[in-house]
């Protein structure tokens, strides 16, 4: 967050095609008053980005539920896309009375049906109308999901594959891992909604 003002000043000179931001989690150790002040500074910077330039906000590990709610209520509407994992999605859901307070199963892995329920709720709650938010990229150890409002983004299938592949290559420390070096940890088939448990997908079939 210390570079916020410098970044804001440089925006007009280099005219980026996309803006990718993170760092709000680093304010958790500060006082509530300081956090709120810097969040407002952050929003001020977001307002200087041209409407035609997509903004992606990457969340990171946080523990203060009221602060997470403050970010969701104050910041989400000013960004086009957010990225988060099961811990962060769980906190957003807990902070705003979302559909599930726990998103992992007994093995500690993200539950596909609960995650999809919560992504749908998040976009309905914080996206559309006067909000810019139309896309969420969820990433976990076992799977990635990109959820977006219909007609708002293109090439989402390619994007989710690219995101998952990038994580795989980093974990394997190999740009071209072979099938012998990776394994599918997601149970097949899997559910995509707790409300419709018979709605199943199987990524091993064409």
Protein backbone atom coordinates (compact mmCIF):
# COMPACT_ATOMS: atom_id res chain seq x y z
CA UNK A 1 0.00 0.00 0.00
CA UNK A 2 3.00 2.31 0.42
CA UNK A 3 3.27 2.66 -3.37
CA UNK A 4 -0.38 3.62 -3.86
CA UNK A 5 0.21 7.31 -4.48
CA UNK A 6 3.13 6.66 -6.85
CA UNK A 7 1.03 4.17 -8.81
CA UNK A 8 -1.87 6.63 -9.02
CA UNK A 9 0.43 9.35 -10.32
CA UNK A 10 1.86 7.04 -12.99
CA UNK A 11 -1.47 5.72 -14.31
CA UNK A 12 -2.09 8.48 -16.82
CA UNK A 13 1.42 8.30 -18.27
CA UNK A 14 1.58 4.59 -19.14
CA UNK A 15 -2.14 3.96 -19.95
CA UNK A 16 -2.36 0.25 -19.00
CA UNK A 17 -4.60 -2.22 -20.83
CA UNK A 18 -5.58 -3.75 -17.49
CA UNK A 19 -4.93 -2.93 -13.83
CA UNK A 20 -4.22 -5.79 -11.39
CA UNK A 21 -4.11 -4.85 -7.71
CA UNK A 22 -3.56 -6.48 -4.33
CA UNK A 23 -2.34 -5.48 -0.88
CA UNK A 24 -5.48 -4.61 1.10
CA UNK A 25 -4.77 -7.59 3.37
CA UNK A 26 -1.58 -5.88 4.53
CA UNK A 27 -3.65 -3.28 6.38
CA UNK A 28 -5.02 -5.80 8.88
CA UNK A 29 -2.26 -5.01 11.37
CA UNK A 30 -3.17 -1.32 11.41
CA UNK A 31 -5.82 0.48 13.43
CA UNK A 32 -9.40 0.51 12.16
CA UNK A 33 -9.20 4.26 11.57
CA UNK A 34 -6.02 3.93 9.51
CA UNK A 35 -7.46 1.00 7.52
CA UNK A 36 -10.60 2.93 6.62
CA UNK A 37 -8.54 5.96 5.59
CA UNK A 38 -6.32 3.91 3.27
CA UNK A 39 -9.28 2.03 1.82
CA UNK A 40 -10.80 5.38 0.88
CA UNK A 41 -7.48 6.38 -0.70
CA UNK A 42 -7.55 3.08 -2.59
CA UNK A 43 -11.09 3.77 -3.85
CA UNK A 44 -9.99 7.24 -4.89
CA UNK A 45 -7.27 5.69 -7.02
CA UNK A 46 -9.75 3.23 -8.58
CA UNK A 47 -11.92 6.14 -9.66
CA UNK A 48 -9.02 7.58 -11.66
CA UNK A 49 -8.76 4.46 -13.84
CA UNK A 50 -10.55 4.93 -17.20
CA UNK A 51 -13.89 3.12 -17.41
CA UNK A 52 -12.62 1.16 -20.42
CA UNK A 53 -9.68 -0.30 -18.44
CA UNK A 54 -10.60 -3.50 -16.55
CA UNK A 55 -9.54 -3.65 -12.89
CA UNK A 56 -8.81 -6.97 -11.17
CA UNK A 57 -8.46 -7.08 -7.37
CA UNK A 58 -6.67 -10.07 -5.87
CA UNK A 59 -7.56 -10.76 -2.27
CA UNK A 60 -5.20 -12.53 0.12
CA UNK A 61 -5.23 -14.14 3.54
CA UNK A 62 -7.23 -12.14 6.09
CA UNK A 63 -8.77 -12.89 9.48
CA UNK A 64 -10.74 -9.81 10.59
CA UNK A 65 -14.31 -10.46 9.44
CA UNK A 66 -15.56 -6.84 9.80
CA UNK A 67 -12.62 -5.63 7.68
CA UNK A 68 -13.44 -8.20 4.99
CA UNK A 69 -17.04 -6.95 4.97
CA UNK A 70 -15.79 -3.36 4.72
CA UNK A 71 -13.75 -4.29 1.62
CA UNK A 72 -16.70 -6.11 0.07
CA UNK A 73 -19.13 -3.27 0.77
CA UNK A 74 -16.82 -0.41 -0.18
CA UNK A 75 -14.41 -1.73 -2.82
CA UNK A 76 -16.03 -4.53 -4.83
CA UNK A 77 -18.32 -2.20 -6.78
CA UNK A 78 -15.32 -0.28 -8.15
CA UNK A 79 -13.52 -3.29 -9.67
CA UNK A 80 -14.46 -5.46 -12.64
CA UNK A 81 -13.02 -8.71 -11.34
CA UNK A 82 -11.80 -10.25 -8.10
CA UNK A 83 -9.64 -13.26 -7.33
CA UNK A 84 -9.78 -15.29 -4.12
CA UNK A 85 -9.39 -18.73 -2.58
CA UNK A 86 -11.66 -20.76 -0.29
CA UNK A 87 -10.52 -18.97 2.88
CA UNK A 88 -11.23 -15.50 1.51
CA UNK A 89 -14.53 -16.55 -0.12
CA UNK A 90 -15.56 -18.15 3.17
CA UNK A 91 -14.85 -14.90 5.06
CA UNK A 92 -16.84 -12.84 2.56
CA UNK A 93 -19.76 -15.24 2.96
CA UNK A 94 -19.52 -15.18 6.76
CA UNK A 95 -19.30 -11.39 6.88
CA UNK A 96 -22.40 -10.78 4.76
CA UNK A 97 -24.69 -13.69 5.66
CA UNK A 98 -23.83 -15.66 2.54
CA UNK A 99 -25.09 -19.17 1.82
CA UNK A 100 -22.29 -21.11 3.54
CA UNK A 101 -20.08 -20.38 6.53
CA UNK A 102 -17.76 -23.31 5.78
CA UNK A 103 -16.58 -24.16 2.26
CA UNK A 104 -14.25 -27.10 2.90
CA UNK A 105 -15.05 -30.79 3.39
CA UNK A 106 -13.73 -33.17 6.05
CA UNK A 107 -10.51 -33.59 4.02
CA UNK A 108 -9.96 -29.83 4.18
CA UNK A 109 -10.54 -29.41 0.44
CA UNK A 110 -12.88 -26.86 -1.10
CA UNK A 111 -16.37 -28.25 -1.71
CA UNK A 112 -17.37 -27.62 -5.33
CA UNK A 113 -21.10 -27.28 -4.70
CA UNK A 114 -20.69 -24.86 -1.79
CA UNK A 115 -18.12 -22.81 -3.69
CA UNK A 116 -20.42 -22.50 -6.73
CA UNK A 117 -23.36 -21.55 -4.51
CA UNK A 118 -21.27 -18.84 -2.89
CA UNK A 119 -19.86 -17.48 -6.15
CA UNK A 120 -23.40 -17.17 -7.51
CA UNK A 121 -24.48 -15.36 -4.33
CA UNK A 122 -21.43 -13.06 -4.41
CA UNK A 123 -22.11 -11.90 -7.97
CA UNK A 124 -25.82 -11.41 -7.23
CA UNK A 125 -25.04 -9.47 -4.04
CA UNK A 126 -22.12 -7.32 -5.17
CA UNK A 127 -22.32 -7.32 -8.97
CA UNK A 128 -24.52 -5.75 -11.61
CA UNK A 129 -26.64 -2.58 -11.53
CA UNK A 130 -24.40 0.30 -10.41
CA UNK A 131 -21.49 -2.04 -9.60
CA UNK A 132 -18.64 -2.71 -12.02
CA UNK A 133 -18.09 -6.22 -10.61
CA UNK A 134 -18.97 -8.89 -13.17
CA UNK A 135 -16.34 -11.61 -12.67
CA UNK A 136 -14.83 -13.76 -9.90
CA UNK A 137 -11.85 -16.08 -10.29
CA UNK A 138 -11.84 -18.69 -7.53
CA UNK A 139 -8.67 -20.73 -7.07
CA UNK A 140 -7.92 -23.60 -4.71
CA UNK A 141 -5.46 -26.49 -4.52
CA UNK A 142 -7.83 -28.84 -6.32
CA UNK A 143 -9.75 -26.70 -8.80
CA UNK A 144 -10.33 -23.25 -10.29
CA UNK A 145 -13.66 -21.64 -11.22
CA UNK A 146 -14.35 -18.45 -13.15
CA UNK A 147 -17.86 -17.13 -12.59
CA UNK A 148 -19.12 -14.10 -14.46
CA UNK A 149 -22.35 -12.36 -15.35
CA UNK A 150 -23.69 -13.55 -18.68
CA UNK A 151 -22.26 -11.74 -21.66
CA UNK A 152 -19.76 -9.72 -19.64
CA UNK A 153 -16.50 -11.58 -20.40
CA UNK A 154 -15.06 -13.61 -23.26
CA UNK A 155 -12.60 -16.53 -23.29
CA UNK A 156 -13.35 -17.60 -19.71
CA UNK A 157 -12.62 -21.26 -20.50
CA UNK A 158 -9.16 -20.32 -21.73
CA UNK A 159 -8.62 -18.05 -18.72
CA UNK A 160 -9.46 -20.71 -16.14
CA UNK A 161 -7.19 -23.23 -17.88
CA UNK A 162 -4.36 -20.67 -18.00
CA UNK A 163 -4.76 -19.87 -14.30
CA UNK A 164 -4.81 -23.52 -13.29
CA UNK A 165 -1.85 -24.31 -15.54
CA UNK A 166 0.20 -21.45 -14.10
CA UNK A 167 -0.35 -22.78 -10.57
CA UNK A 168 0.54 -26.32 -11.68
CA UNK A 169 3.78 -25.30 -13.37
CA UNK A 170 4.85 -23.30 -10.31
CA UNK A 171 4.03 -26.15 -7.92
CA UNK A 172 5.96 -28.61 -10.08
CA UNK A 173 8.74 -26.09 -10.81
CA UNK A 174 8.43 -27.22 -14.41
CA UNK A 175 6.99 -25.25 -17.34
CA UNK A 176 5.93 -28.47 -19.08
CA UNK A 177 4.96 -31.06 -16.43
CA UNK A 178 4.09 -34.50 -17.76
CA UNK A 179 0.98 -36.48 -16.85
CA UNK A 180 3.17 -38.60 -14.55
CA UNK A 181 3.87 -35.51 -12.43
CA UNK A 182 0.27 -34.40 -11.91
CA UNK A 183 -2.93 -36.04 -10.70
CA UNK A 184 -6.59 -35.06 -10.66
CA UNK A 185 -7.56 -34.56 -7.02
CA UNK A 186 -11.15 -33.55 -7.70
CA UNK A 187 -13.64 -36.37 -7.24
CA UNK A 188 -15.50 -37.26 -10.45
CA UNK A 189 -18.30 -36.53 -11.08
CA UNK A 190 -18.79 -33.50 -8.81
CA UNK A 191 -21.78 -31.40 -7.79
CA UNK A 192 -22.04 -27.70 -8.68
CA UNK A 193 -24.96 -26.80 -6.40
CA UNK A 194 -26.17 -27.88 -2.97
CA UNK A 195 -29.67 -26.88 -4.05
CA UNK A 196 -29.53 -29.28 -7.01
CA UNK A 197 -27.33 -32.18 -5.84
CA UNK A 198 -28.13 -34.20 -8.95
CA UNK A 199 -26.57 -31.53 -11.15
CA UNK A 200 -23.16 -33.13 -11.73
CA UNK A 201 -20.14 -32.51 -13.95
CA UNK A 202 -17.38 -34.88 -14.98
CA UNK A 203 -14.27 -33.28 -16.49
CA UNK A 204 -12.86 -36.67 -17.49
CA UNK A 205 -15.53 -37.14 -20.15
CA UNK A 206 -15.95 -35.22 -23.39
